[in-house]
Amino acid sequence: MATKKADDLAKVQALLAECGLERTAATLLDEAPQIGKKNATVQAFLKPEDVVYADERLKDNTYISKGGFENDFGYKAHMDLIVTRGKGFTKEKNKKKRGSYSGGKITMQSHSIKKLAGIGKPKQAFSSSAAALKNQPPLFLRKNCALAHLVKGSFKGVVQQPKYADLNEWLSINTFEFFNLVNMFYGVVTDFCTINECPTMSAGPGTEYTWTDTQRKTIKLAAPQYIDYVLSQIQTTLDDERMFPTKAGSEFPKDIRATLCVIYRHLFRVLAHIYWSHYVELLNLKIEGHVNSVFAHFISFAKEFDLLDRKDMAPMADLIAFYEQQGIVV
């Protein structure tokens, strides 16, 4: 019994030392309730006053404490949501996610404690390993990574137009789904896609996308800015009743296919950037199978209805060719 207690004490001491906590393991064990003892009082594992913070700013986790503009999107959404509780919070949150909500300017400022405190490895730390792997294929082209899928077999039957479904309706509903999925997966890696980490909207060697503004001027943007513009523009288009009518009897515009081609081209660029710049994060989160399945589904659908040109798919041509060889994309 004494040996077991000593082993437990050593494990707890090692854990506390690793976490940088000042409280001793012996104190914690002495205060722990006796197992099987009647009317034992359960005590907190750690008192608030005993917590040691790596940064003083972590003591206040409220939105207001981060500072920043008082007229941006986040601040106005916070002021609306802070007064809600329970189901009311869910209702208001979903309202803010709609494209019709106008909550102020969306800024690219980062208030991350990790970034401000300088914690983490800088981009340059990976330069040597990147040089060593220069002649090797990217991670997503390695067979074990590329074959990670949630859906087994071909997507041919999944993307084909149902017999009694209207073509434009079928194209529209799938476009909505692909937009939501791409938006969701980009949200997973958005903390790693910063202006410093991704200063250009790239998708592999020699591929860099530029943005065309309202005055038809071509400008270079950092990846998070470019993607924010793209997703916001697509959301606005999808919410436009003239382009994607939802009322019975309304007809789709004659140029709907041209609009869809633009949407698919932009969504492809976001996916390509995720693959080339953030695939490591996908592997760490163990969601590469989810993203691979979405990508194969997306490409299969685009090919089925001729929504992407071969030149647009060039940055991911090797992965697409591999999926075609495997019969996943037909």
Protein backbone atom coordinates (compact mmCIF):
# COMPACT_ATOMS: atom_id res chain seq x y z
CA MET A 1 0.00 0.00 0.00
CA ALA A 2 2.82 2.34 0.92
CA THR A 3 4.58 1.56 -2.37
CA LYS A 4 1.44 2.35 -4.39
CA LYS A 5 0.99 5.67 -2.56
CA ALA A 6 4.62 6.56 -3.21
CA ASP A 7 4.19 5.76 -6.93
CA ASP A 8 1.02 7.87 -7.09
CA LEU A 9 2.82 10.71 -5.31
CA ALA A 10 5.68 10.56 -7.81
CA LYS A 11 3.27 10.63 -10.77
CA VAL A 12 1.37 13.63 -9.40
CA GLN A 13 4.61 15.48 -8.62
CA ALA A 14 5.85 14.90 -12.17
CA LEU A 15 2.55 16.11 -13.62
CA LEU A 16 2.56 19.25 -11.47
CA ALA A 17 6.18 19.98 -12.33
CA GLU A 18 5.35 19.64 -16.04
CA CYS A 19 2.45 22.07 -15.66
CA GLY A 20 4.55 24.55 -13.71
CA LEU A 21 2.21 24.58 -10.69
CA GLU A 22 3.76 25.53 -7.35
CA ARG A 23 1.47 23.48 -5.11
CA THR A 24 3.05 20.24 -3.87
CA ALA A 25 1.66 16.84 -4.62
CA ALA A 26 1.85 15.88 -0.93
CA THR A 27 -0.57 18.67 -0.01
CA LEU A 28 -3.03 17.57 -2.68
CA LEU A 29 -2.93 13.93 -1.57
CA ASP A 30 -3.40 14.84 2.08
CA GLU A 31 -6.49 16.91 1.25
CA ALA A 32 -8.01 14.39 -1.15
CA PRO A 33 -11.15 12.67 0.24
CA GLN A 34 -10.75 9.11 1.46
CA ILE A 35 -12.28 6.62 -1.01
CA GLY A 36 -15.13 4.66 0.59
CA LYS A 37 -15.30 6.92 3.67
CA LYS A 38 -18.84 7.90 4.61
CA ASN A 39 -19.83 11.57 4.38
CA ALA A 40 -16.46 12.44 2.84
CA THR A 41 -16.29 16.06 1.74
CA VAL A 42 -15.20 16.45 -1.87
CA GLN A 43 -12.76 19.33 -2.23
CA ALA A 44 -11.69 21.21 -5.32
CA PHE A 45 -8.52 19.84 -6.91
CA LEU A 46 -7.05 23.28 -7.19
CA LYS A 47 -8.11 26.54 -5.58
CA PRO A 48 -8.32 29.63 -7.83
CA GLU A 49 -5.71 31.46 -5.77
CA ASP A 50 -3.25 28.63 -6.35
CA VAL A 51 -3.39 28.85 -10.14
CA VAL A 52 -0.20 30.15 -11.75
CA TYR A 53 -0.79 32.03 -15.02
CA ALA A 54 1.75 32.06 -17.84
CA ASP A 55 0.42 35.49 -18.79
CA GLU A 56 -1.53 37.92 -16.58
CA ARG A 57 -3.97 38.62 -19.43
CA LEU A 58 -5.28 35.07 -19.14
CA LYS A 59 -6.92 35.95 -15.81
CA ASP A 60 -9.72 37.78 -17.61
CA ASN A 61 -11.23 35.69 -20.39
CA THR A 62 -14.04 38.09 -21.31
CA TYR A 63 -14.37 39.53 -24.79
CA ILE A 64 -14.05 43.13 -23.56
CA SER A 65 -10.67 42.44 -21.95
CA LYS A 66 -9.02 41.79 -25.31
CA GLY A 67 -9.30 45.40 -26.42
CA GLY A 68 -9.63 46.44 -30.03
CA PHE A 69 -12.18 48.44 -32.02
CA GLU A 70 -15.57 49.16 -30.50
CA ASN A 71 -17.34 49.22 -33.85
CA ASP A 72 -16.17 45.98 -35.41
CA PHE A 73 -18.16 42.82 -36.07
CA GLY A 74 -16.98 40.96 -32.98
CA TYR A 75 -17.75 43.79 -30.54
CA LYS A 76 -21.28 44.34 -31.83
CA ALA A 77 -22.01 40.61 -31.85
CA HIS A 78 -20.68 40.42 -28.27
CA MET A 79 -22.97 43.22 -27.10
CA ASP A 80 -25.96 41.36 -28.56
CA LEU A 81 -25.01 37.91 -27.24
CA ILE A 82 -23.80 38.82 -23.73
CA VAL A 83 -27.36 39.52 -22.57
CA THR A 84 -28.79 36.22 -23.85
CA ARG A 85 -29.03 32.86 -22.11
CA GLY A 86 -29.94 29.29 -23.08
CA LYS A 87 -32.05 28.93 -26.21
CA GLY A 88 -31.97 32.69 -26.69
CA PHE A 89 -28.20 32.54 -27.15
CA THR A 90 -28.50 29.82 -29.82
CA LYS A 91 -31.15 31.81 -31.67
CA GLU A 92 -29.11 35.02 -31.66
CA LYS A 93 -25.90 33.19 -32.59
CA ASN A 94 -27.52 31.61 -35.64
CA LYS A 95 -28.88 35.00 -36.66
CA LYS A 96 -25.35 36.44 -36.62
CA LYS A 97 -24.14 33.63 -38.91
CA ARG A 98 -26.50 34.64 -41.68
CA GLY A 99 -25.12 36.75 -44.48
CA SER A 100 -27.88 39.33 -44.00
CA TYR A 101 -26.58 40.29 -40.54
CA SER A 102 -24.61 43.52 -40.59
CA GLY A 103 -22.70 43.76 -37.35
CA GLY A 104 -19.87 46.10 -38.20
CA LYS A 105 -16.56 45.89 -40.01
CA ILE A 106 -14.72 42.57 -40.04
CA THR A 107 -11.09 43.28 -39.12
CA MET A 108 -8.01 41.08 -39.50
CA GLN A 109 -6.53 42.05 -36.12
CA SER A 110 -5.33 39.20 -33.93
CA HIS A 111 -5.80 39.33 -30.16
CA SER A 112 -4.35 35.89 -29.52
CA ILE A 113 -2.34 35.65 -26.30
CA LYS A 114 -0.18 33.05 -28.00
CA LYS A 115 0.72 35.48 -30.77
CA LEU A 116 1.22 38.48 -28.48
CA ALA A 117 3.31 36.55 -25.99
CA GLY A 118 5.53 35.17 -28.74
CA ILE A 119 4.78 31.57 -27.78
CA GLY A 120 5.18 29.00 -30.53
CA LYS A 121 7.62 28.32 -33.33
CA PRO A 122 8.20 31.03 -35.94
CA LYS A 123 7.71 30.28 -39.62
CA GLN A 124 11.47 30.33 -40.20
CA ALA A 125 11.89 27.35 -37.87
CA PHE A 126 10.54 25.08 -40.60
CA SER A 127 12.76 26.42 -43.39
CA SER A 128 15.45 23.75 -43.00
CA SER A 129 12.99 20.86 -42.89
CA ALA A 130 11.13 22.34 -45.86
CA ALA A 131 14.38 22.47 -47.81
CA ALA A 132 15.12 18.84 -46.91
CA LEU A 133 11.69 17.79 -48.19
CA LYS A 134 11.89 19.96 -51.30
CA ASN A 135 12.11 17.03 -53.70
CA GLN A 136 9.50 14.95 -51.89
CA PRO A 137 5.76 15.05 -52.61
CA PRO A 138 3.52 17.05 -50.26
CA LEU A 139 1.91 15.19 -47.38
CA PHE A 140 -1.51 15.01 -48.99
CA LEU A 141 -0.06 13.03 -51.93
CA ARG A 142 1.31 10.28 -49.72
CA LYS A 143 -0.80 7.19 -50.29
CA ASN A 144 -1.81 6.61 -46.68
CA CYS A 145 -2.95 10.24 -46.37
CA ALA A 146 -4.67 10.46 -49.76
CA LEU A 147 -6.65 7.25 -49.18
CA ALA A 148 -8.03 8.41 -45.83
CA HIS A 149 -11.77 8.76 -46.56
CA LEU A 150 -15.11 8.59 -44.82
CA VAL A 151 -16.81 7.41 -48.03
CA LYS A 152 -15.56 4.28 -49.74
CA GLY A 153 -15.84 3.84 -53.48
CA SER A 154 -16.80 6.19 -56.30
CA PHE A 155 -18.72 9.46 -55.92
CA LYS A 156 -20.30 9.00 -59.36
CA GLY A 157 -23.64 7.87 -58.02
CA VAL A 158 -23.65 10.59 -55.36
CA VAL A 159 -23.27 13.52 -57.75
CA GLN A 160 -25.59 12.43 -60.56
CA GLN A 161 -28.77 14.45 -61.00
CA PRO A 162 -31.82 12.60 -59.63
CA LYS A 163 -34.35 11.62 -62.28
CA TYR A 164 -37.14 14.01 -61.28
CA ALA A 165 -35.02 16.85 -59.87
CA ASP A 166 -34.69 20.20 -61.64
CA LEU A 167 -31.10 20.75 -62.81
CA ASN A 168 -30.76 24.25 -61.37
CA GLU A 169 -32.26 23.13 -58.06
CA TRP A 170 -29.78 20.24 -57.90
CA LEU A 171 -26.86 22.52 -58.70
CA SER A 172 -27.98 25.09 -56.15
CA ILE A 173 -28.55 22.79 -53.18
CA ASN A 174 -25.15 21.14 -53.68
CA THR A 175 -23.47 24.52 -54.02
CA PHE A 176 -24.96 25.60 -50.69
CA GLU A 177 -23.66 22.42 -49.07
CA PHE A 178 -20.15 22.75 -50.52
CA PHE A 179 -19.95 26.37 -49.41
CA ASN A 180 -20.93 25.46 -45.84
CA LEU A 181 -18.44 22.58 -45.73
CA VAL A 182 -15.51 24.59 -47.13
CA ASN A 183 -16.38 27.45 -44.78
CA MET A 184 -16.45 25.03 -41.84
CA PHE A 185 -13.13 23.36 -42.64
CA TYR A 186 -11.42 26.70 -43.19
CA GLY A 187 -12.76 27.74 -39.79
CA VAL A 188 -10.89 24.79 -38.28
CA VAL A 189 -7.51 26.06 -39.54
CA THR A 190 -8.22 29.80 -39.40
CA ASP A 191 -6.09 30.25 -36.25
CA PHE A 192 -3.08 28.99 -38.24
CA CYS A 193 -3.88 30.99 -41.38
CA THR A 194 -2.65 34.44 -40.39
CA ILE A 195 -1.15 37.36 -42.27
CA ASN A 196 2.29 36.45 -40.90
CA GLU A 197 2.04 32.72 -41.63
CA CYS A 198 0.30 33.06 -45.02
CA PRO A 199 1.33 36.44 -46.49
CA THR A 200 0.10 35.41 -49.96
CA MET A 201 -2.87 33.39 -51.22
CA SER A 202 -0.81 30.49 -52.51
CA ALA A 203 -1.57 26.91 -53.50
CA GLY A 204 1.77 25.23 -54.01
CA PRO A 205 4.92 26.28 -55.88
CA GLY A 206 4.27 28.82 -58.62
CA THR A 207 0.58 29.31 -57.80
CA GLU A 208 -0.45 32.59 -56.25
CA TYR A 209 -3.95 34.03 -56.50
CA THR A 210 -4.75 37.73 -56.68
CA TRP A 211 -7.94 39.60 -55.91
CA THR A 212 -9.76 41.87 -58.38
CA ASP A 213 -11.46 44.79 -56.64
CA THR A 214 -14.58 46.71 -57.69
CA GLN A 215 -12.47 48.99 -59.91
CA ARG A 216 -11.07 45.95 -61.75
CA LYS A 217 -7.65 46.43 -60.18
CA THR A 218 -5.63 43.31 -59.39
CA ILE A 219 -4.16 43.33 -55.90
CA LYS A 220 -2.17 40.85 -53.83
CA LEU A 221 -3.70 39.89 -50.51
CA ALA A 222 -2.66 37.71 -47.61
CA ALA A 223 -4.47 34.38 -47.59
CA PRO A 224 -6.82 35.18 -44.67
CA GLN A 225 -7.87 38.46 -46.29
CA TYR A 226 -8.38 36.85 -49.68
CA ILE A 227 -10.41 33.98 -48.24
CA ASP A 228 -12.50 36.37 -46.13
CA TYR A 229 -13.36 38.38 -49.26
CA VAL A 230 -14.13 35.21 -51.24
CA LEU A 231 -16.39 33.62 -48.64
CA SER A 232 -18.19 36.90 -47.97
CA GLN A 233 -18.79 37.42 -51.67
CA ILE A 234 -20.13 33.88 -52.11
CA GLN A 235 -22.39 34.26 -49.08
CA THR A 236 -23.83 37.47 -50.51
CA THR A 237 -24.44 35.78 -53.87
CA LEU A 238 -26.14 32.76 -52.30
CA ASP A 239 -28.42 35.03 -50.27
CA ASP A 240 -29.49 36.96 -53.38
CA GLU A 241 -33.05 35.94 -54.27
CA ARG A 242 -32.50 37.04 -57.85
CA MET A 243 -29.66 34.55 -58.29
CA PHE A 244 -30.92 31.71 -56.08
CA PRO A 245 -34.69 32.08 -55.69
CA THR A 246 -36.37 30.22 -52.85
CA LYS A 247 -40.02 31.17 -53.46
CA ALA A 248 -42.30 28.83 -55.39
CA GLY A 249 -42.75 29.81 -59.03
CA SER A 250 -39.54 31.87 -59.19
CA GLU A 251 -37.11 31.05 -61.98
CA PHE A 252 -33.34 30.94 -61.98
CA PRO A 253 -31.53 33.55 -64.09
CA LYS A 254 -30.26 32.49 -67.50
CA ASP A 255 -26.64 33.17 -66.52
CA ILE A 256 -26.77 31.00 -63.38
CA ARG A 257 -24.11 28.61 -64.75
CA ALA A 258 -21.58 31.46 -65.15
CA THR A 259 -22.21 32.46 -61.53
CA LEU A 260 -21.77 28.87 -60.37
CA CYS A 261 -18.47 28.54 -62.24
CA VAL A 262 -17.10 31.59 -60.38
CA ILE A 263 -18.25 30.18 -57.04
CA TYR A 264 -16.66 26.79 -57.69
CA ARG A 265 -13.42 28.35 -58.88
CA HIS A 266 -13.17 30.34 -55.64
CA LEU A 267 -14.11 27.41 -53.41
CA PHE A 268 -11.48 25.29 -55.16
CA ARG A 269 -8.83 27.91 -54.38
CA VAL A 270 -9.71 27.84 -50.68
CA LEU A 271 -9.48 24.04 -50.63
CA ALA A 272 -6.19 24.11 -52.53
CA HIS A 273 -4.73 26.58 -50.03
CA ILE A 274 -5.83 24.40 -47.11
CA TYR A 275 -4.17 21.36 -48.68
CA TRP A 276 -0.89 23.08 -49.53
CA SER A 277 -0.52 25.27 -46.44
CA HIS A 278 -2.44 23.62 -43.60
CA TYR A 279 -2.50 19.87 -44.21
CA VAL A 280 -0.29 19.30 -41.16
CA GLU A 281 -3.00 20.84 -38.99
CA LEU A 282 -5.57 18.52 -40.57
CA LEU A 283 -3.38 15.52 -39.74
CA ASN A 284 -2.86 16.69 -36.18
CA LEU A 285 -6.62 17.04 -35.75
CA LYS A 286 -7.18 13.65 -37.45
CA ILE A 287 -9.70 15.10 -39.91
CA GLU A 288 -7.82 14.45 -43.15
CA GLY A 289 -10.39 11.76 -44.03
CA HIS A 290 -13.22 14.29 -43.72
CA VAL A 291 -11.47 16.87 -45.91
CA ASN A 292 -10.41 14.27 -48.50
CA SER A 293 -13.99 13.06 -48.82
CA VAL A 294 -15.31 16.61 -49.25
CA PHE A 295 -12.63 17.37 -51.83
CA ALA A 296 -13.32 14.19 -53.85
CA HIS A 297 -17.07 14.88 -53.72
CA PHE A 298 -16.50 18.51 -54.75
CA ILE A 299 -14.29 17.59 -57.72
CA SER A 300 -16.64 14.80 -58.82
CA PHE A 301 -19.58 17.20 -58.81
CA ALA A 302 -17.64 19.92 -60.64
CA LYS A 303 -16.56 17.42 -63.32
CA GLU A 304 -20.05 15.97 -63.68
CA PHE A 305 -21.55 19.38 -64.49
CA ASP A 306 -18.47 21.01 -66.07
CA LEU A 307 -18.12 23.73 -63.42
CA LEU A 308 -14.31 23.82 -63.33
CA ASP A 309 -11.72 24.05 -66.10
CA ARG A 310 -8.69 21.77 -66.07
CA LYS A 311 -6.40 24.79 -65.76
CA ASP A 312 -8.27 25.89 -62.62
CA MET A 313 -7.63 22.46 -61.06
CA ALA A 314 -3.91 22.47 -61.91
CA PRO A 315 -2.63 23.04 -58.31
CA MET A 316 -4.35 19.80 -57.22
CA ALA A 317 -3.92 17.90 -60.51
CA ASP A 318 -1.75 15.14 -59.00
CA LEU A 319 -4.25 14.36 -56.22
CA ILE A 320 -7.17 14.47 -58.67
CA ALA A 321 -5.31 12.11 -61.05
CA PHE A 322 -4.64 9.73 -58.17
CA TYR A 323 -8.32 9.72 -57.21
CA GLU A 324 -9.24 9.09 -60.85
CA GLN A 325 -6.86 6.10 -60.94
CA GLN A 326 -8.42 4.77 -57.74
CA GLY A 327 -11.92 5.16 -59.18
CA ILE A 328 -12.91 7.62 -56.44
CA VAL A 329 -13.35 10.51 -58.89
CA VAL A 330 -14.83 9.49 -62.25
